[in-house]
Amino acid sequence: MKRILFTLVCLIFLMAVSQCSLFKKETINIKINQTDYVTNNLPVSAEIRIPEKYNSLPAEEIGIRLRSGSVDTPLPGQLLSSDNGRLRLYWLLPQTNPDKPAKWKAEFYKKEKADVPEFEWKDTPGKYLDLYFDGKKVFRYCYELDDHFIKGEHLTANNKVFYHIYDPEGDDFITNGPEGEVWPHHRGIMIGWRSVESQNEKLSFWGMENSTVQKHIKFIDLSAGPVAGKVVSEIHWNDSTGFTLLKEIRTATIYHQPAPDIMILDFSSRLTAINGPIKLNGDAEHGGVQFRAHNDVAEGTEGSKKPVYFFHKDGIDPYKDFNLPWVGMEYGLKGKKYSVLDIDHPENPRPTVWSAYRDYGRFGPFFIYQLGNNETFETNYRFWISESNMPDREILNSKSKGYVNPPQLIISK
């Protein structure tokens, strides 16, 4: 009898220990250090090891709830792969804390179905890839490529990859496309240089006047969840014969933001000169990563308003002042006001010259860069896009700091 009782006690103890250990494995603790700025709804992330019991599940089937004593309801988290192949946990921090560290707890569970609104990708093969959030379109990856080009019509041809941004209703674009009447080669969020110089020739990858193309090759990664949608693609910069000068890995990570904000978009481009040295050259009007507002702004269509530009301090002259940390643009479209903040990452090439004065709503940073054969370099920018008036400069400076100097996250079990 004593032996049976002893065995039962041992079994109960082992079960309790097992359940306790299992609970601990499904939860991690996160400390977020204080910052010297205050900003809201900031994407934060940390590399983590997921609980062992979830190792066999795809990342999109792992649900995460984040809890903190300062937040009434749990917030959704999401796992995304980083460049090194490891998983990072992402969520939107409601507000940074300048006074003391904040404590969070991440709880993992197997998702049976979406229990909160999520992003979703839908592809129209050979033309475009749309990103939806909670059933509404928010972003379009445009990659249609014409099978031939007519001399003098390169500015309106389908010959480059670019990003369109939707209004909050998901009905209309707030960015320009090839159908625009004024400078239709300025499209949404784009990257290019007017003078891409190899050992043998100079070619335009801005207006694409030399029958050049940015050819979409494949999607490397498509991720979607409650926090973000991410698209990674391979793009070849080809001359008119199909010869590839540059191979690009382009990434857009689109974070959900509460209204009236539309999104935060992190843009990354990694360019490799795969067939000899390349110089990326031109000027601030014809190169770099730039944002172009809808054509109605250029046309002065009823309901539109010309852009106003904002800088990090008074007295800035973008013609003369280089290496600006950020530039903002506010414009009117269909009776509504839109604000776009473009933040430059400090590790991008220097010097940087900004085009931030055009009355048709195109702006962005430009730099010259020399690539050796098989050399790779990367550029990174963050776009904050909102259906609202441009916030005060202090708020914009804090958004910039949140990108270039995000809060430090410390993970513990």
Protein backbone atom coordinates (compact mmCIF):
# COMPACT_ATOMS: atom_id res chain seq x y z
CA MET A 1 0.00 0.00 0.00
CA LYS A 2 2.81 2.38 0.91
CA ARG A 3 4.54 1.54 -2.38
CA ILE A 4 1.35 2.33 -4.35
CA LEU A 5 0.86 5.58 -2.48
CA PHE A 6 4.49 6.54 -3.08
CA THR A 7 4.12 5.78 -6.79
CA LEU A 8 0.98 7.92 -7.05
CA VAL A 9 2.68 10.83 -5.30
CA CYS A 10 5.65 10.57 -7.67
CA LEU A 11 3.37 10.51 -10.71
CA ILE A 12 1.44 13.55 -9.52
CA PHE A 13 4.72 15.38 -8.86
CA LEU A 14 6.11 14.50 -12.30
CA MET A 15 2.90 15.62 -14.00
CA ALA A 16 2.98 18.92 -12.14
CA VAL A 17 6.61 19.50 -13.04
CA SER A 18 5.91 18.57 -16.65
CA GLN A 19 2.96 20.96 -16.92
CA CYS A 20 4.95 23.72 -15.25
CA SER A 21 7.87 23.19 -17.64
CA LEU A 22 5.54 23.12 -20.61
CA PHE A 23 3.99 26.41 -19.56
CA LYS A 24 7.40 28.01 -19.21
CA LYS A 25 8.45 26.79 -22.64
CA GLU A 26 5.38 28.41 -24.21
CA THR A 27 6.13 31.82 -22.74
CA ILE A 28 9.09 34.16 -23.02
CA ASN A 29 9.77 37.39 -21.17
CA ILE A 30 10.89 40.54 -22.96
CA LYS A 31 12.35 43.67 -21.49
CA ILE A 32 12.27 46.81 -23.64
CA ASN A 33 14.78 49.42 -22.59
CA GLN A 34 13.82 53.05 -22.22
CA THR A 35 14.46 55.50 -25.07
CA ASP A 36 15.33 59.18 -25.33
CA TYR A 37 12.23 59.76 -27.47
CA VAL A 38 8.51 59.02 -27.40
CA THR A 39 6.74 57.59 -30.43
CA ASN A 40 3.64 55.47 -30.95
CA ASN A 41 2.86 52.21 -32.75
CA LEU A 42 6.51 51.50 -33.45
CA PRO A 43 7.46 48.17 -35.08
CA VAL A 44 9.87 46.36 -32.76
CA SER A 45 11.50 42.97 -33.15
CA ALA A 46 13.90 40.53 -31.57
CA GLU A 47 15.48 37.28 -32.69
CA ILE A 48 13.99 34.44 -30.68
CA ARG A 49 13.94 30.68 -30.31
CA ILE A 50 10.39 29.46 -30.52
CA PRO A 51 9.22 26.89 -27.97
CA GLU A 52 10.35 23.41 -28.97
CA LYS A 53 6.83 22.02 -29.35
CA TYR A 54 6.19 24.48 -32.23
CA ASN A 55 9.34 23.71 -34.23
CA SER A 56 7.46 21.55 -36.72
CA LEU A 57 4.85 24.23 -37.47
CA PRO A 58 5.12 26.84 -40.24
CA ALA A 59 5.62 30.32 -38.83
CA GLU A 60 2.20 31.45 -40.06
CA GLU A 61 0.51 28.76 -37.93
CA ILE A 62 2.12 29.95 -34.70
CA GLY A 63 0.02 32.50 -32.87
CA ILE A 64 1.56 34.96 -30.43
CA ARG A 65 -0.04 37.20 -27.83
CA LEU A 66 1.95 39.93 -26.15
CA ARG A 67 0.94 41.17 -22.73
CA SER A 68 2.13 44.02 -20.56
CA GLY A 69 0.83 45.62 -17.41
CA SER A 70 0.56 48.93 -19.26
CA VAL A 71 -1.75 47.48 -21.96
CA ASP A 72 -5.32 46.40 -21.22
CA THR A 73 -5.69 43.82 -23.99
CA PRO A 74 -3.07 41.48 -25.50
CA LEU A 75 -1.47 42.53 -28.78
CA PRO A 76 -0.79 40.21 -31.72
CA GLY A 77 2.76 39.22 -32.58
CA GLN A 78 4.17 37.70 -35.74
CA LEU A 79 7.21 35.67 -36.76
CA LEU A 80 9.21 36.74 -39.81
CA SER A 81 12.42 35.30 -41.24
CA SER A 82 15.51 37.50 -41.19
CA ASP A 83 18.36 37.49 -43.72
CA ASN A 84 20.25 34.88 -41.70
CA GLY A 85 17.26 32.54 -41.85
CA ARG A 86 16.42 32.86 -38.17
CA LEU A 87 13.04 33.90 -36.88
CA ARG A 88 12.30 37.29 -35.39
CA LEU A 89 9.29 38.20 -33.31
CA TYR A 90 7.57 41.43 -34.44
CA TRP A 91 4.83 43.51 -32.91
CA LEU A 92 3.73 47.12 -32.67
CA LEU A 93 4.84 48.81 -29.47
CA PRO A 94 2.00 51.16 -28.45
CA GLN A 95 4.43 53.74 -27.05
CA THR A 96 8.10 53.92 -26.19
CA ASN A 97 8.98 54.74 -22.59
CA PRO A 98 11.63 57.40 -21.84
CA ASP A 99 11.51 56.81 -18.08
CA LYS A 100 12.06 53.11 -17.42
CA PRO A 101 12.21 49.70 -19.11
CA ALA A 102 8.93 48.01 -19.98
CA LYS A 103 8.21 44.34 -19.31
CA TRP A 104 6.33 42.20 -21.80
CA LYS A 105 5.40 38.54 -22.00
CA ALA A 106 4.97 36.64 -25.28
CA GLU A 107 2.59 33.68 -25.20
CA PHE A 108 2.70 31.12 -28.03
CA TYR A 109 -0.18 28.99 -29.28
CA LYS A 110 -1.18 27.04 -32.37
CA LYS A 111 -3.51 29.06 -34.56
CA GLU A 112 -6.58 27.17 -35.72
CA LYS A 113 -7.84 30.19 -37.64
CA ALA A 114 -7.17 33.92 -37.78
CA ASP A 115 -8.47 35.34 -34.51
CA VAL A 116 -7.48 38.94 -35.31
CA PRO A 117 -7.41 40.88 -38.62
CA GLU A 118 -4.45 39.87 -40.78
CA PHE A 119 -2.60 40.72 -43.98
CA GLU A 120 -3.06 38.51 -47.04
CA TRP A 121 -1.30 38.35 -50.45
CA LYS A 122 -3.17 37.81 -53.73
CA ASP A 123 -1.25 37.53 -56.99
CA THR A 124 -2.41 38.30 -60.51
CA PRO A 125 0.38 36.40 -62.30
CA GLY A 126 2.55 38.44 -64.61
CA LYS A 127 0.97 41.73 -63.59
CA TYR A 128 0.82 42.62 -59.91
CA LEU A 129 0.67 41.30 -56.37
CA ASP A 130 -1.83 42.90 -53.97
CA LEU A 131 -1.58 43.03 -50.20
CA TYR A 132 -4.84 43.12 -48.23
CA PHE A 133 -5.47 43.87 -44.58
CA ASP A 134 -8.79 42.75 -43.12
CA GLY A 135 -10.19 42.47 -46.64
CA LYS A 136 -9.01 45.87 -47.91
CA LYS A 137 -6.20 46.51 -50.38
CA VAL A 138 -3.29 48.46 -48.93
CA PHE A 139 -0.29 47.87 -51.24
CA ARG A 140 0.48 46.66 -54.75
CA TYR A 141 3.73 45.21 -56.09
CA CYS A 142 3.69 46.06 -59.83
CA TYR A 143 5.81 43.84 -62.06
CA GLU A 144 4.11 43.68 -65.48
CA LEU A 145 6.65 43.72 -68.33
CA ASP A 146 5.82 44.59 -71.94
CA ASP A 147 7.09 42.12 -74.54
CA HIS A 148 8.36 44.90 -76.82
CA PHE A 149 8.99 48.64 -76.65
CA ILE A 150 8.23 51.46 -79.07
CA LYS A 151 10.77 54.22 -79.49
CA GLY A 152 9.61 57.39 -77.76
CA GLU A 153 7.10 55.57 -75.53
CA HIS A 154 9.44 54.29 -72.83
CA LEU A 155 8.08 56.69 -70.20
CA THR A 156 4.66 55.00 -70.32
CA ALA A 157 5.78 51.41 -70.92
CA ASN A 158 5.60 48.60 -68.39
CA ASN A 159 9.32 48.29 -67.86
CA LYS A 160 10.08 48.53 -64.15
CA VAL A 161 9.07 47.17 -60.76
CA PHE A 162 7.48 49.67 -58.36
CA TYR A 163 5.12 49.89 -55.40
CA HIS A 164 1.64 51.44 -55.41
CA ILE A 165 -0.05 52.61 -52.19
CA TYR A 166 -3.83 52.49 -51.68
CA ASP A 167 -6.05 54.93 -49.82
CA PRO A 168 -7.52 53.77 -46.47
CA GLU A 169 -10.66 52.44 -48.17
CA GLY A 170 -8.57 50.24 -50.44
CA ASP A 171 -10.27 51.62 -53.55
CA ASP A 172 -7.85 54.06 -55.19
CA PHE A 173 -4.11 54.65 -55.43
CA ILE A 174 -2.57 57.68 -53.78
CA THR A 175 0.56 57.17 -55.91
CA ASN A 176 1.34 57.64 -59.60
CA GLY A 177 1.53 54.93 -62.25
CA PRO A 178 2.40 54.62 -65.96
CA GLU A 179 -1.05 55.91 -66.94
CA GLY A 180 -0.30 59.34 -65.43
CA GLU A 181 0.00 62.26 -67.84
CA VAL A 182 2.82 64.15 -66.08
CA TRP A 183 6.14 62.29 -65.93
CA PRO A 184 4.54 58.82 -65.94
CA HIS A 185 7.92 57.14 -65.42
CA HIS A 186 7.77 58.45 -61.82
CA ARG A 187 5.83 55.61 -60.24
CA GLY A 188 4.79 55.06 -56.64
CA ILE A 189 7.84 54.07 -54.62
CA MET A 190 10.64 53.30 -57.05
CA ILE A 191 14.42 52.99 -57.33
CA GLY A 192 16.62 53.79 -60.32
CA TRP A 193 19.40 55.91 -61.78
CA ARG A 194 19.42 57.84 -65.02
CA SER A 195 23.06 57.00 -65.72
CA VAL A 196 24.08 53.42 -64.97
CA GLU A 197 27.62 53.28 -66.29
CA SER A 198 29.43 50.08 -67.23
CA GLN A 199 32.78 49.70 -68.96
CA ASN A 200 31.10 49.95 -72.36
CA GLU A 201 28.08 52.25 -72.10
CA LYS A 202 25.79 54.50 -70.08
CA LEU A 203 22.19 53.40 -69.76
CA SER A 204 19.09 54.95 -68.20
CA PHE A 205 17.33 52.96 -65.50
CA TRP A 206 15.15 55.95 -64.61
CA GLY A 207 13.10 56.86 -67.68
CA MET A 208 14.29 53.59 -69.27
CA GLU A 209 14.92 55.46 -72.53
CA ASN A 210 17.46 52.88 -73.76
CA SER A 211 14.86 50.07 -73.75
CA THR A 212 16.27 48.95 -70.44
CA VAL A 213 14.10 47.03 -67.98
CA GLN A 214 13.86 46.11 -64.33
CA LYS A 215 12.66 42.55 -64.83
CA HIS A 216 10.90 40.69 -62.04
CA ILE A 217 12.45 37.23 -61.81
CA LYS A 218 10.78 35.61 -58.83
CA PHE A 219 9.30 36.06 -55.39
CA ILE A 220 11.74 34.83 -52.77
CA ASP A 221 9.49 35.28 -49.74
CA LEU A 222 5.87 36.22 -49.15
CA SER A 223 4.84 36.53 -45.52
CA ALA A 224 1.64 37.82 -43.98
CA GLY A 225 0.13 37.99 -40.52
CA PRO A 226 -1.53 40.39 -38.08
CA VAL A 227 1.47 42.71 -37.79
CA ALA A 228 3.04 42.91 -41.25
CA GLY A 229 3.12 41.79 -44.84
CA LYS A 230 6.54 41.17 -46.36
CA VAL A 231 7.59 40.63 -49.98
CA VAL A 232 11.13 39.77 -51.05
CA SER A 233 11.82 39.54 -54.77
CA GLU A 234 14.66 39.14 -57.23
CA ILE A 235 14.83 41.76 -60.00
CA HIS A 236 17.31 41.96 -62.88
CA TRP A 237 18.38 45.28 -64.35
CA ASN A 238 18.81 44.38 -68.03
CA ASP A 239 19.90 46.27 -71.14
CA SER A 240 17.92 46.12 -74.40
CA THR A 241 19.50 42.76 -75.33
CA GLY A 242 18.56 41.09 -72.05
CA PHE A 243 22.09 41.31 -70.63
CA THR A 244 21.97 41.72 -66.84
CA LEU A 245 24.06 44.49 -65.32
CA LEU A 246 22.66 44.39 -61.79
CA LYS A 247 20.88 41.78 -59.72
CA GLU A 248 18.60 43.27 -57.08
CA ILE A 249 16.99 41.74 -54.02
CA ARG A 250 14.21 44.16 -53.09
CA THR A 251 12.21 43.92 -49.88
CA ALA A 252 9.11 45.72 -48.67
CA THR A 253 7.83 45.15 -45.15
CA ILE A 254 4.44 46.78 -44.63
CA TYR A 255 3.33 47.27 -41.03
CA HIS A 256 -0.27 47.86 -40.04
CA GLN A 257 -0.98 51.21 -38.39
CA PRO A 258 -4.18 52.42 -36.69
CA ALA A 259 -6.25 55.04 -38.53
CA PRO A 260 -5.77 57.67 -39.77
CA ASP A 261 -2.32 56.26 -40.55
CA ILE A 262 -2.14 53.95 -43.56
CA MET A 263 1.11 52.08 -43.03
CA ILE A 264 4.77 52.04 -42.19
CA LEU A 265 6.76 50.63 -45.11
CA ASP A 266 10.37 49.55 -44.72
CA PHE A 267 12.13 49.55 -48.10
CA SER A 268 15.35 47.64 -48.72
CA SER A 269 17.30 47.20 -51.95
CA ARG A 270 20.43 45.05 -52.25
CA LEU A 271 22.20 45.57 -55.60
CA THR A 272 25.00 43.39 -56.99
CA ALA A 273 27.08 44.16 -60.10
CA ILE A 274 27.22 40.66 -61.60
CA ASN A 275 28.86 41.40 -64.97
CA GLY A 276 31.57 43.97 -64.38
CA PRO A 277 31.95 47.24 -62.46
CA ILE A 278 29.00 49.63 -62.39
CA LYS A 279 28.69 53.29 -61.45
CA LEU A 280 25.26 54.55 -60.37
CA ASN A 281 25.22 58.17 -61.48
CA GLY A 282 22.92 61.02 -62.40
CA ASP A 283 21.39 63.77 -60.29
CA ALA A 284 18.78 64.31 -57.58
CA GLU A 285 15.98 64.64 -60.16
CA HIS A 286 16.80 61.36 -61.84
CA GLY A 287 17.98 58.83 -59.32
CA GLY A 288 17.72 57.14 -55.97
CA VAL A 289 14.66 55.90 -54.08
CA GLN A 290 11.73 58.25 -54.56
CA PHE A 291 8.01 58.61 -53.83
CA ARG A 292 5.62 60.06 -56.40
CA ALA A 293 2.14 61.28 -55.50
CA HIS A 294 -0.91 60.59 -57.69
CA ASN A 295 -1.04 62.35 -61.08
CA ASP A 296 -4.02 64.47 -59.96
CA VAL A 297 -1.59 66.47 -57.80
CA ALA A 298 0.49 67.37 -60.85
CA GLU A 299 -2.59 68.14 -62.96
CA GLY A 300 -4.19 70.32 -60.28
CA THR A 301 -7.38 68.27 -60.48
CA GLU A 302 -10.26 69.45 -58.30
CA GLY A 303 -9.82 68.19 -54.76
CA SER A 304 -6.03 68.05 -55.00
CA LYS A 305 -3.46 70.35 -53.40
CA LYS A 306 0.15 71.00 -54.27
CA PRO A 307 2.72 69.45 -51.94
CA VAL A 308 4.35 71.13 -48.97
CA TYR A 309 7.73 69.84 -47.79
CA PHE A 310 8.91 69.49 -44.19
CA PHE A 311 12.43 69.25 -42.78
CA HIS A 312 14.08 68.36 -39.48
CA LYS A 313 14.92 72.00 -38.67
CA ASP A 314 14.30 75.53 -39.90
CA GLY A 315 16.28 77.04 -42.73
CA ILE A 316 16.91 73.85 -44.73
CA ASP A 317 17.66 74.34 -48.43
CA PRO A 318 17.59 70.90 -50.10
CA TYR A 319 19.59 72.28 -53.01
CA LYS A 320 22.49 73.02 -50.66
CA ASP A 321 22.01 71.00 -47.46
CA PHE A 322 23.08 67.38 -47.80
CA ASN A 323 22.57 64.22 -45.72
CA LEU A 324 19.16 65.19 -44.33
CA PRO A 325 17.89 62.59 -41.82
CA TRP A 326 14.36 62.74 -43.20
CA VAL A 327 11.97 64.73 -45.38
CA GLY A 328 8.19 64.92 -45.18
CA MET A 329 5.68 65.74 -47.91
CA GLU A 330 2.02 66.69 -47.45
CA TYR A 331 -0.38 66.82 -50.41
CA GLY A 332 -4.09 66.89 -51.18
CA LEU A 333 -5.94 64.30 -53.24
CA LYS A 334 -9.70 63.94 -53.85
CA GLY A 335 -10.50 66.28 -51.00
CA LYS A 336 -8.29 64.48 -48.48
CA LYS A 337 -4.88 65.28 -47.02
CA TYR A 338 -2.00 62.80 -47.15
CA SER A 339 1.33 62.92 -45.35
CA VAL A 340 4.43 60.93 -46.26
CA LEU A 341 7.59 60.83 -44.15
CA ASP A 342 10.71 59.37 -45.81
CA ILE A 343 13.46 58.46 -43.32
CA ASP A 344 17.03 57.88 -44.49
CA HIS A 345 19.05 55.21 -42.70
CA PRO A 346 22.46 56.49 -41.50
CA GLU A 347 24.26 53.47 -43.01
CA ASN A 348 23.13 54.38 -46.53
CA PRO A 349 25.78 55.80 -48.90
CA ARG A 350 26.85 59.41 -48.49
CA PRO A 351 26.72 62.18 -49.50
CA THR A 352 22.97 62.23 -50.06
CA VAL A 353 21.17 64.99 -51.95
CA TRP A 354 17.40 65.28 -51.65
CA SER A 355 14.96 66.29 -54.34
CA ALA A 356 12.26 67.83 -52.15
CA TYR A 357 10.73 70.82 -53.92
CA ARG A 358 8.83 69.62 -57.02
CA ASP A 359 5.24 70.89 -57.13
CA TYR A 360 3.94 67.65 -58.66
CA GLY A 361 4.76 65.59 -55.57
CA ARG A 362 7.95 63.63 -56.24
CA PHE A 363 10.66 63.50 -53.60
CA GLY A 364 13.46 61.33 -52.30
CA PRO A 365 17.21 60.97 -51.67
CA PHE A 366 19.90 60.53 -54.32
CA PHE A 367 23.52 59.43 -54.14
CA ILE A 368 26.28 58.32 -56.50
CA TYR A 369 27.84 54.92 -55.93
CA GLN A 370 30.62 52.87 -57.53
CA LEU A 371 30.28 49.07 -57.51
CA GLY A 372 33.14 46.71 -58.28
CA ASN A 373 32.54 43.45 -60.10
CA ASN A 374 30.43 41.12 -57.91
CA GLU A 375 30.24 43.82 -55.23
CA THR A 376 26.98 44.28 -53.32
CA PHE A 377 25.62 47.23 -51.42
CA GLU A 378 22.32 47.81 -49.63
CA THR A 379 20.06 50.81 -49.05
CA ASN A 380 17.29 51.07 -46.47
CA TYR A 381 14.49 53.60 -45.96
CA ARG A 382 11.31 53.86 -43.94
CA PHE A 383 8.10 55.46 -45.22
CA TRP A 384 5.39 56.51 -42.79
CA ILE A 385 2.18 57.20 -44.75
CA SER A 386 -0.99 58.70 -43.30
CA GLU A 387 -4.31 60.22 -44.32
CA SER A 388 -3.80 63.28 -42.13
CA ASN A 389 -2.08 66.61 -41.84
CA MET A 390 1.66 66.42 -41.27
CA PRO A 391 2.41 66.15 -37.52
CA ASP A 392 4.66 68.52 -35.60
CA ARG A 393 8.39 68.32 -36.19
CA GLU A 394 9.00 66.80 -32.75
CA ILE A 395 6.76 63.86 -33.64
CA LEU A 396 8.53 63.38 -36.98
CA ASN A 397 11.93 63.47 -35.30
CA SER A 398 10.76 60.78 -32.87
CA LYS A 399 9.52 58.60 -35.73
CA SER A 400 12.95 58.96 -37.33
CA LYS A 401 14.71 57.98 -34.10
CA GLY A 402 12.44 54.98 -33.74
CA TYR A 403 13.74 53.72 -37.10
CA VAL A 404 17.46 54.45 -36.83
CA ASN A 405 17.75 53.79 -33.09
CA PRO A 406 14.96 51.38 -32.09
CA PRO A 407 14.50 50.32 -28.47
CA GLN A 408 16.74 47.50 -27.29
CA LEU A 409 14.88 44.26 -26.55
CA ILE A 410 16.23 41.68 -24.09
CA ILE A 411 14.77 38.15 -24.19
CA SER A 412 14.62 35.81 -21.21
CA LYS A 413 12.71 32.63 -20.33
